Amino acid sequence: MVGVNDIVVRYLAAWNERDAKRRRDLVAATWTEDGTYVDRVRDGRGHDSIDGMIAKAQGQFPGYRLNLVRVSRDRERGFQGIVSRDFRRS
């Protein structure tokens, strides 16, 4: 069984990966084939759609990166991850 930390690291890596093949491989390692991603402006269903959604977001926001700042486990609230976003070029 894959741990939550591994999933979070792969999720962030997929969003940050600019190489199309490596990003597609990360998407496949992070989501199930019928997995979904939905937020208020994006909607991806399945590997191809999620990969395309990430590629489109990268094209719209060059230099945008997600960075894990802090992860904690709280007995009452469960997993809590704090992710920062920035536009600094790598």
C-alpha atoms as a PDB file:
ATOM      1  CA  MET A   1       0.000   0.000   0.000  1.00  0.00           C
ATOM      2  CA  VAL A   2       1.269   3.454  -0.920  1.00  0.00           C
ATOM      3  CA  GLY A   3       1.489   5.971   1.903  1.00  0.00           C
ATOM      4  CA  VAL A   4      -0.135   9.403   1.921  1.00  0.00           C
ATOM      5  CA  ASN A   5       3.259  11.129   1.841  1.00  0.00           C
ATOM      6  CA  ASP A   6       4.221   9.308  -1.368  1.00  0.00           C
ATOM      7  CA  ILE A   7       0.951  10.299  -3.011  1.00  0.00           C
ATOM      8  CA  VAL A   8       1.384  13.957  -2.026  1.00  0.00           C
ATOM      9  CA  VAL A   9       4.950  14.027  -3.366  1.00  0.00           C
ATOM     10  CA  ARG A  10       3.863  12.465  -6.690  1.00  0.00           C
ATOM     11  CA  TYR A  11       0.876  14.820  -6.945  1.00  0.00           C
ATOM     12  CA  LEU A  12       3.101  17.873  -6.551  1.00  0.00           C
ATOM     13  CA  ALA A  13       5.708  16.421  -8.920  1.00  0.00           C
ATOM     14  CA  ALA A  14       3.036  15.873 -11.602  1.00  0.00           C
ATOM     15  CA  TRP A  15       1.891  19.499 -11.375  1.00  0.00           C
ATOM     16  CA  ASN A  16       5.493  20.751 -11.518  1.00  0.00           C
ATOM     17  CA  GLU A  17       6.807  18.446 -14.275  1.00  0.00           C
ATOM     18  CA  ARG A  18       7.251  20.216 -17.633  1.00  0.00           C
ATOM     19  CA  ASP A  19       8.411  17.174 -19.624  1.00  0.00           C
ATOM     20  CA  ALA A  20       5.253  15.665 -21.183  1.00  0.00           C
ATOM     21  CA  LYS A  21       6.283  11.996 -20.886  1.00  0.00           C
ATOM     22  CA  ARG A  22       7.528  12.272 -17.304  1.00  0.00           C
ATOM     23  CA  ARG A  23       4.405  14.233 -16.338  1.00  0.00           C
ATOM     24  CA  ARG A  24       2.154  11.578 -17.942  1.00  0.00           C
ATOM     25  CA  ASP A  25       4.020   8.853 -16.032  1.00  0.00           C
ATOM     26  CA  LEU A  26       3.569  10.776 -12.768  1.00  0.00           C
ATOM     27  CA  VAL A  27      -0.151  11.242 -13.467  1.00  0.00           C
ATOM     28  CA  ALA A  28      -0.471   7.484 -14.064  1.00  0.00           C
ATOM     29  CA  ALA A  29       1.403   6.764 -10.812  1.00  0.00           C
ATOM     30  CA  THR A  30      -0.743   9.213  -8.824  1.00  0.00           C
ATOM     31  CA  TRP A  31      -4.294   8.711 -10.122  1.00  0.00           C
ATOM     32  CA  THR A  32      -6.169   5.532 -11.013  1.00  0.00           C
ATOM     33  CA  GLU A  33      -7.154   5.224 -14.682  1.00  0.00           C
ATOM     34  CA  ASP A  34     -10.661   6.428 -13.835  1.00  0.00           C
ATOM     35  CA  GLY A  35      -9.466   8.973 -11.257  1.00  0.00           C
ATOM     36  CA  THR A  36     -10.732  12.536 -11.248  1.00  0.00           C
ATOM     37  CA  TYR A  37      -9.477  16.007 -10.425  1.00  0.00           C
ATOM     38  CA  VAL A  38     -12.017  18.767  -9.884  1.00  0.00           C
ATOM     39  CA  ASP A  39     -11.600  22.300  -8.606  1.00  0.00           C
ATOM     40  CA  ARG A  40     -13.511  25.491  -9.305  1.00  0.00           C
ATOM     41  CA  VAL A  41     -11.835  26.088 -12.706  1.00  0.00           C
ATOM     42  CA  ARG A  42     -10.577  22.660 -13.840  1.00  0.00           C
ATOM     43  CA  ASP A  43     -12.025  19.216 -14.305  1.00  0.00           C
ATOM     44  CA  GLY A  44     -10.004  16.157 -15.345  1.00  0.00           C
ATOM     45  CA  ARG A  45     -11.288  12.585 -15.637  1.00  0.00           C
ATOM     46  CA  GLY A  46      -8.795   9.808 -16.373  1.00  0.00           C
ATOM     47  CA  HIS A  47      -5.069   9.990 -17.066  1.00  0.00           C
ATOM     48  CA  ASP A  48      -5.258  11.692 -20.478  1.00  0.00           C
ATOM     49  CA  SER A  49      -7.664  14.355 -19.290  1.00  0.00           C
ATOM     50  CA  ILE A  50      -5.771  15.081 -16.052  1.00  0.00           C
ATOM     51  CA  ASP A  51      -2.461  15.275 -17.933  1.00  0.00           C
ATOM     52  CA  GLY A  52      -3.986  17.641 -20.494  1.00  0.00           C
ATOM     53  CA  MET A  53      -5.487  19.773 -17.745  1.00  0.00           C
ATOM     54  CA  ILE A  54      -2.094  20.112 -16.026  1.00  0.00           C
ATOM     55  CA  ALA A  55      -0.353  20.912 -19.337  1.00  0.00           C
ATOM     56  CA  LYS A  56      -2.930  23.621 -20.061  1.00  0.00           C
ATOM     57  CA  ALA A  57      -2.485  25.154 -16.593  1.00  0.00           C
ATOM     58  CA  GLN A  58       1.305  25.145 -17.069  1.00  0.00           C
ATOM     59  CA  GLY A  59       0.870  26.934 -20.405  1.00  0.00           C
ATOM     60  CA  GLN A  60      -1.341  29.560 -18.804  1.00  0.00           C
ATOM     61  CA  PHE A  61       0.967  30.114 -15.841  1.00  0.00           C
ATOM     62  CA  PRO A  62       4.631  29.671 -16.868  1.00  0.00           C
ATOM     63  CA  GLY A  63       6.950  29.310 -13.889  1.00  0.00           C
ATOM     64  CA  TYR A  64       4.105  28.361 -11.536  1.00  0.00           C
ATOM     65  CA  ARG A  65       5.161  25.711  -9.002  1.00  0.00           C
ATOM     66  CA  LEU A  66       3.562  23.957  -6.068  1.00  0.00           C
ATOM     67  CA  ASN A  67       5.756  23.419  -3.018  1.00  0.00           C
ATOM     68  CA  LEU A  68       5.025  21.351   0.051  1.00  0.00           C
ATOM     69  CA  VAL A  69       5.489  23.546   3.076  1.00  0.00           C
ATOM     70  CA  ARG A  70       4.227  21.442   5.951  1.00  0.00           C
ATOM     71  CA  VAL A  71       2.407  18.193   6.539  1.00  0.00           C
ATOM     72  CA  SER A  72       0.918  17.156   9.840  1.00  0.00           C
ATOM     73  CA  ARG A  73      -1.378  14.487  11.171  1.00  0.00           C
ATOM     74  CA  ASP A  74      -4.065  15.611  13.551  1.00  0.00           C
ATOM     75  CA  ARG A  75      -6.183  13.013  15.357  1.00  0.00           C
ATOM     76  CA  GLU A  76      -9.355  15.062  15.025  1.00  0.00           C
ATOM     77  CA  ARG A  77      -8.938  16.473  11.526  1.00  0.00           C
ATOM     78  CA  GLY A  78      -6.851  13.782   9.837  1.00  0.00           C
ATOM     79  CA  PHE A  79      -4.211  14.628   7.244  1.00  0.00           C
ATOM     80  CA  GLN A  80      -3.508  18.341   6.887  1.00  0.00           C
ATOM     81  CA  GLY A  81      -1.207  19.495   4.097  1.00  0.00           C
ATOM     82  CA  ILE A  82      -0.113  23.050   3.507  1.00  0.00           C
ATOM     83  CA  VAL A  83       0.918  23.709  -0.082  1.00  0.00           C
ATOM     84  CA  SER A  84       2.315  27.006  -1.271  1.00  0.00           C
ATOM     85  CA  ARG A  85       2.103  28.294  -4.813  1.00  0.00           C
ATOM     86  CA  ASP A  86       4.557  30.649  -6.378  1.00  0.00           C
ATOM     87  CA  PHE A  87       5.432  32.085  -9.743  1.00  0.00           C
ATOM     88  CA  ARG A  88       9.194  32.123  -9.329  1.00  0.00           C
ATOM     89  CA  ARG A  89      11.027  30.527 -12.194  1.00  0.00           C
ATOM     90  CA  SER A  90      13.010  27.449 -11.336  1.00  0.00           C
END
